[in-house]
Amino acid sequence: MVHMQDITTIALENDDKIPVIDLHESDNIDSALEQLEKELFSYYQKGEKYIKVVHGIGTGVLEEKLVEQIKLNPLIKDFAIGKSGYLFLEI
């Protein structure tokens, strides 16, 4: 398993090759979480190892809910929180 700081390094070095799930324009938190699950499973089936999840910068509620859901998801081995409205996931 890769450690959180390593996920960020890998992701930043390969940013143009890492799939992106963009949630920051979702209608609400529930639709964003549903989109995350669907796209994450799709990338998992394709054999991707790292995913960038864009949630945007706002009140922080979406990021908080994403982290809660990510911690419960058995597909996700580890994650790192970016500084500008995104997360990196290792699946």
N, C-alpha and C. Protein backbone atom coordinates (compact mmCIF):
# COMPACT_ATOMS: atom_id res chain seq x y z
N MET A 1 0.85 -1.19 0.00
CA MET A 1 0.00 0.00 0.00
C MET A 1 0.89 1.24 0.00
N VAL A 2 0.47 2.24 -0.73
CA VAL A 2 1.18 3.50 -0.82
C VAL A 2 0.69 4.41 0.31
N HIS A 3 1.57 5.19 0.91
CA HIS A 3 1.17 6.10 1.98
C HIS A 3 0.62 7.40 1.41
N MET A 4 -0.15 8.12 2.23
CA MET A 4 -0.84 9.33 1.78
C MET A 4 0.08 10.34 1.10
N GLN A 5 1.22 10.63 1.68
CA GLN A 5 2.12 11.61 1.06
C GLN A 5 2.61 11.11 -0.29
N ASP A 6 2.77 9.79 -0.42
CA ASP A 6 3.19 9.22 -1.69
C ASP A 6 2.09 9.31 -2.74
N ILE A 7 0.83 9.17 -2.33
CA ILE A 7 -0.29 9.31 -3.26
C ILE A 7 -0.26 10.70 -3.87
N THR A 8 -0.08 11.70 -3.05
CA THR A 8 -0.05 13.07 -3.54
C THR A 8 1.10 13.25 -4.53
N THR A 9 2.27 12.74 -4.20
CA THR A 9 3.42 12.85 -5.10
C THR A 9 3.16 12.15 -6.42
N ILE A 10 2.67 10.93 -6.36
CA ILE A 10 2.36 10.16 -7.58
C ILE A 10 1.32 10.91 -8.41
N ALA A 11 0.29 11.38 -7.75
CA ALA A 11 -0.79 12.06 -8.45
C ALA A 11 -0.31 13.35 -9.12
N LEU A 12 0.47 14.12 -8.42
CA LEU A 12 0.95 15.38 -8.99
C LEU A 12 1.91 15.14 -10.15
N GLU A 13 2.73 14.10 -10.04
CA GLU A 13 3.67 13.78 -11.11
C GLU A 13 2.98 13.22 -12.35
N ASN A 14 1.78 12.66 -12.17
CA ASN A 14 1.05 12.01 -13.26
C ASN A 14 -0.32 12.64 -13.47
N ASP A 15 -0.48 13.89 -13.11
CA ASP A 15 -1.78 14.54 -13.11
C ASP A 15 -2.50 14.43 -14.45
N ASP A 16 -1.77 14.50 -15.55
CA ASP A 16 -2.41 14.45 -16.86
C ASP A 16 -2.85 13.03 -17.24
N LYS A 17 -2.43 12.02 -16.49
CA LYS A 17 -2.77 10.64 -16.80
C LYS A 17 -3.80 10.05 -15.83
N ILE A 18 -4.08 10.74 -14.76
CA ILE A 18 -4.97 10.22 -13.73
C ILE A 18 -6.41 10.62 -14.07
N PRO A 19 -7.33 9.64 -14.06
CA PRO A 19 -8.74 9.96 -14.31
C PRO A 19 -9.28 10.92 -13.26
N VAL A 20 -10.24 11.74 -13.69
CA VAL A 20 -10.82 12.75 -12.81
C VAL A 20 -12.32 12.51 -12.68
N ILE A 21 -12.80 12.56 -11.45
CA ILE A 21 -14.23 12.58 -11.17
C ILE A 21 -14.54 13.98 -10.68
N ASP A 22 -15.31 14.73 -11.46
CA ASP A 22 -15.60 16.13 -11.14
C ASP A 22 -16.98 16.23 -10.50
N LEU A 23 -17.03 16.54 -9.22
CA LEU A 23 -18.28 16.60 -8.46
C LEU A 23 -18.70 18.02 -8.10
N HIS A 24 -17.87 18.99 -8.38
CA HIS A 24 -18.11 20.32 -7.82
C HIS A 24 -19.31 21.04 -8.40
N GLU A 25 -19.88 20.54 -9.49
CA GLU A 25 -21.08 21.17 -10.03
C GLU A 25 -22.33 20.31 -9.84
N SER A 26 -22.27 19.34 -8.95
CA SER A 26 -23.43 18.49 -8.67
C SER A 26 -24.56 19.32 -8.06
N ASP A 27 -25.77 18.86 -8.29
CA ASP A 27 -26.95 19.58 -7.79
C ASP A 27 -27.03 19.59 -6.27
N ASN A 28 -26.60 18.49 -5.66
CA ASN A 28 -26.64 18.40 -4.20
C ASN A 28 -25.65 17.33 -3.74
N ILE A 29 -25.51 17.20 -2.44
CA ILE A 29 -24.53 16.27 -1.88
C ILE A 29 -24.87 14.83 -2.24
N ASP A 30 -26.14 14.48 -2.16
CA ASP A 30 -26.53 13.11 -2.47
C ASP A 30 -26.19 12.73 -3.90
N SER A 31 -26.45 13.63 -4.85
CA SER A 31 -26.13 13.31 -6.25
C SER A 31 -24.62 13.24 -6.46
N ALA A 32 -23.86 14.05 -5.73
CA ALA A 32 -22.40 14.00 -5.82
C ALA A 32 -21.88 12.67 -5.29
N LEU A 33 -22.41 12.21 -4.18
CA LEU A 33 -21.97 10.94 -3.60
C LEU A 33 -22.35 9.77 -4.50
N GLU A 34 -23.52 9.84 -5.12
CA GLU A 34 -23.95 8.80 -6.05
C GLU A 34 -23.04 8.78 -7.29
N GLN A 35 -22.73 9.96 -7.81
CA GLN A 35 -21.83 10.06 -8.96
C GLN A 35 -20.46 9.48 -8.61
N LEU A 36 -19.96 9.80 -7.42
CA LEU A 36 -18.67 9.27 -6.98
C LEU A 36 -18.67 7.75 -7.01
N GLU A 37 -19.69 7.14 -6.42
CA GLU A 37 -19.75 5.68 -6.35
C GLU A 37 -19.79 5.05 -7.74
N LYS A 38 -20.61 5.59 -8.62
CA LYS A 38 -20.73 5.04 -9.98
C LYS A 38 -19.42 5.15 -10.75
N GLU A 39 -18.83 6.34 -10.75
CA GLU A 39 -17.60 6.54 -11.52
C GLU A 39 -16.41 5.80 -10.89
N LEU A 40 -16.36 5.76 -9.58
CA LEU A 40 -15.29 5.05 -8.90
C LEU A 40 -15.32 3.56 -9.25
N PHE A 41 -16.51 2.97 -9.23
CA PHE A 41 -16.64 1.56 -9.57
C PHE A 41 -16.23 1.31 -11.02
N SER A 42 -16.60 2.22 -11.90
CA SER A 42 -16.24 2.11 -13.31
C SER A 42 -14.72 2.14 -13.49
N TYR A 43 -14.06 3.07 -12.82
CA TYR A 43 -12.59 3.15 -12.90
C TYR A 43 -11.93 1.93 -12.27
N TYR A 44 -12.52 1.42 -11.21
CA TYR A 44 -12.00 0.21 -10.58
C TYR A 44 -12.05 -0.96 -11.56
N GLN A 45 -13.17 -1.10 -12.27
CA GLN A 45 -13.32 -2.18 -13.25
C GLN A 45 -12.32 -2.05 -14.39
N LYS A 46 -11.94 -0.81 -14.71
CA LYS A 46 -10.98 -0.58 -15.79
C LYS A 46 -9.53 -0.79 -15.34
N GLY A 47 -9.33 -1.01 -14.04
CA GLY A 47 -7.99 -1.28 -13.53
C GLY A 47 -7.19 -0.04 -13.15
N GLU A 48 -7.86 1.09 -13.02
CA GLU A 48 -7.15 2.31 -12.60
C GLU A 48 -6.68 2.15 -11.16
N LYS A 49 -5.56 2.76 -10.84
CA LYS A 49 -5.02 2.69 -9.48
C LYS A 49 -5.23 3.98 -8.70
N TYR A 50 -5.25 5.10 -9.40
CA TYR A 50 -5.38 6.41 -8.75
C TYR A 50 -6.47 7.22 -9.44
N ILE A 51 -7.21 7.96 -8.65
CA ILE A 51 -8.30 8.80 -9.15
C ILE A 51 -8.20 10.16 -8.46
N LYS A 52 -8.42 11.21 -9.23
CA LYS A 52 -8.52 12.56 -8.65
C LYS A 52 -10.00 12.91 -8.59
N VAL A 53 -10.46 13.32 -7.42
CA VAL A 53 -11.85 13.71 -7.22
C VAL A 53 -11.89 15.21 -6.95
N VAL A 54 -12.53 15.95 -7.85
CA VAL A 54 -12.66 17.40 -7.69
C VAL A 54 -14.00 17.68 -7.02
N HIS A 55 -13.95 18.34 -5.87
CA HIS A 55 -15.18 18.68 -5.16
C HIS A 55 -15.37 20.19 -5.04
N GLY A 56 -14.38 20.95 -5.38
CA GLY A 56 -14.49 22.40 -5.33
C GLY A 56 -14.24 22.95 -3.94
N ILE A 57 -14.21 24.26 -3.88
CA ILE A 57 -14.00 24.95 -2.61
C ILE A 57 -15.28 25.69 -2.28
N GLY A 58 -15.78 25.46 -1.13
CA GLY A 58 -17.02 26.10 -0.70
C GLY A 58 -17.04 26.12 0.82
N THR A 59 -18.13 25.63 1.36
CA THR A 59 -18.28 25.61 2.81
C THR A 59 -17.54 24.44 3.45
N GLY A 60 -17.13 23.45 2.63
CA GLY A 60 -16.43 22.29 3.14
C GLY A 60 -17.33 21.11 3.45
N VAL A 61 -18.63 21.28 3.28
CA VAL A 61 -19.58 20.21 3.60
C VAL A 61 -19.41 19.03 2.64
N LEU A 62 -19.29 19.30 1.34
CA LEU A 62 -19.13 18.22 0.38
C LEU A 62 -17.85 17.44 0.65
N GLU A 63 -16.76 18.13 0.89
CA GLU A 63 -15.50 17.44 1.20
C GLU A 63 -15.66 16.56 2.43
N GLU A 64 -16.30 17.06 3.45
CA GLU A 64 -16.52 16.30 4.68
C GLU A 64 -17.31 15.03 4.41
N LYS A 65 -18.38 15.14 3.63
CA LYS A 65 -19.21 13.98 3.30
C LYS A 65 -18.46 12.99 2.41
N LEU A 66 -17.65 13.51 1.49
CA LEU A 66 -16.85 12.63 0.63
C LEU A 66 -15.87 11.81 1.47
N VAL A 67 -15.20 12.45 2.39
CA VAL A 67 -14.23 11.75 3.25
C VAL A 67 -14.94 10.68 4.07
N GLU A 68 -16.13 11.00 4.60
CA GLU A 68 -16.89 10.01 5.35
C GLU A 68 -17.19 8.80 4.48
N GLN A 69 -17.65 9.03 3.25
CA GLN A 69 -18.00 7.94 2.35
C GLN A 69 -16.77 7.16 1.90
N ILE A 70 -15.70 7.86 1.62
CA ILE A 70 -14.46 7.22 1.18
C ILE A 70 -13.93 6.27 2.26
N LYS A 71 -14.01 6.66 3.50
CA LYS A 71 -13.52 5.82 4.59
C LYS A 71 -14.30 4.52 4.71
N LEU A 72 -15.56 4.52 4.23
CA LEU A 72 -16.40 3.33 4.31
C LEU A 72 -16.33 2.46 3.06
N ASN A 73 -15.72 2.96 2.00
CA ASN A 73 -15.72 2.26 0.72
C ASN A 73 -14.58 1.24 0.68
N PRO A 74 -14.92 -0.05 0.52
CA PRO A 74 -13.88 -1.08 0.51
C PRO A 74 -12.96 -1.05 -0.72
N LEU A 75 -13.35 -0.33 -1.78
CA LEU A 75 -12.50 -0.23 -2.97
C LEU A 75 -11.31 0.70 -2.75
N ILE A 76 -11.44 1.62 -1.80
CA ILE A 76 -10.42 2.65 -1.61
C ILE A 76 -9.40 2.18 -0.57
N LYS A 77 -8.15 2.07 -1.04
CA LYS A 77 -7.06 1.64 -0.16
C LYS A 77 -6.56 2.79 0.70
N ASP A 78 -6.49 3.99 0.11
CA ASP A 78 -5.98 5.15 0.83
C ASP A 78 -6.40 6.41 0.08
N PHE A 79 -6.26 7.55 0.72
CA PHE A 79 -6.60 8.81 0.07
C PHE A 79 -5.78 9.94 0.65
N ALA A 80 -5.71 11.03 -0.09
CA ALA A 80 -5.03 12.23 0.37
C ALA A 80 -5.88 13.43 -0.01
N ILE A 81 -5.96 14.38 0.88
CA ILE A 81 -6.74 15.60 0.65
C ILE A 81 -5.83 16.65 0.05
N GLY A 82 -6.22 17.17 -1.12
CA GLY A 82 -5.46 18.24 -1.77
C GLY A 82 -5.76 19.58 -1.13
N LYS A 83 -5.05 20.59 -1.52
CA LYS A 83 -5.21 21.91 -0.91
C LYS A 83 -6.20 22.80 -1.65
N SER A 84 -6.61 22.40 -2.84
CA SER A 84 -7.43 23.30 -3.66
C SER A 84 -8.71 22.64 -4.16
N GLY A 85 -9.45 21.99 -3.29
CA GLY A 85 -10.75 21.46 -3.66
C GLY A 85 -10.73 20.11 -4.34
N TYR A 86 -9.79 19.26 -3.99
CA TYR A 86 -9.74 17.94 -4.60
C TYR A 86 -9.18 16.91 -3.63
N LEU A 87 -9.41 15.64 -3.95
CA LEU A 87 -8.87 14.50 -3.22
C LEU A 87 -8.16 13.60 -4.23
N PHE A 88 -7.16 12.86 -3.77
CA PHE A 88 -6.56 11.81 -4.57
C PHE A 88 -6.89 10.49 -3.88
N LEU A 89 -7.32 9.50 -4.66
CA LEU A 89 -7.67 8.20 -4.13
C LEU A 89 -6.75 7.14 -4.70
N GLU A 90 -6.42 6.17 -3.87
CA GLU A 90 -5.75 4.96 -4.33
C GLU A 90 -6.78 3.84 -4.24
N ILE A 91 -7.03 3.17 -5.39
CA ILE A 91 -8.01 2.08 -5.37
C ILE A 91 -7.35 0.77 -5.74
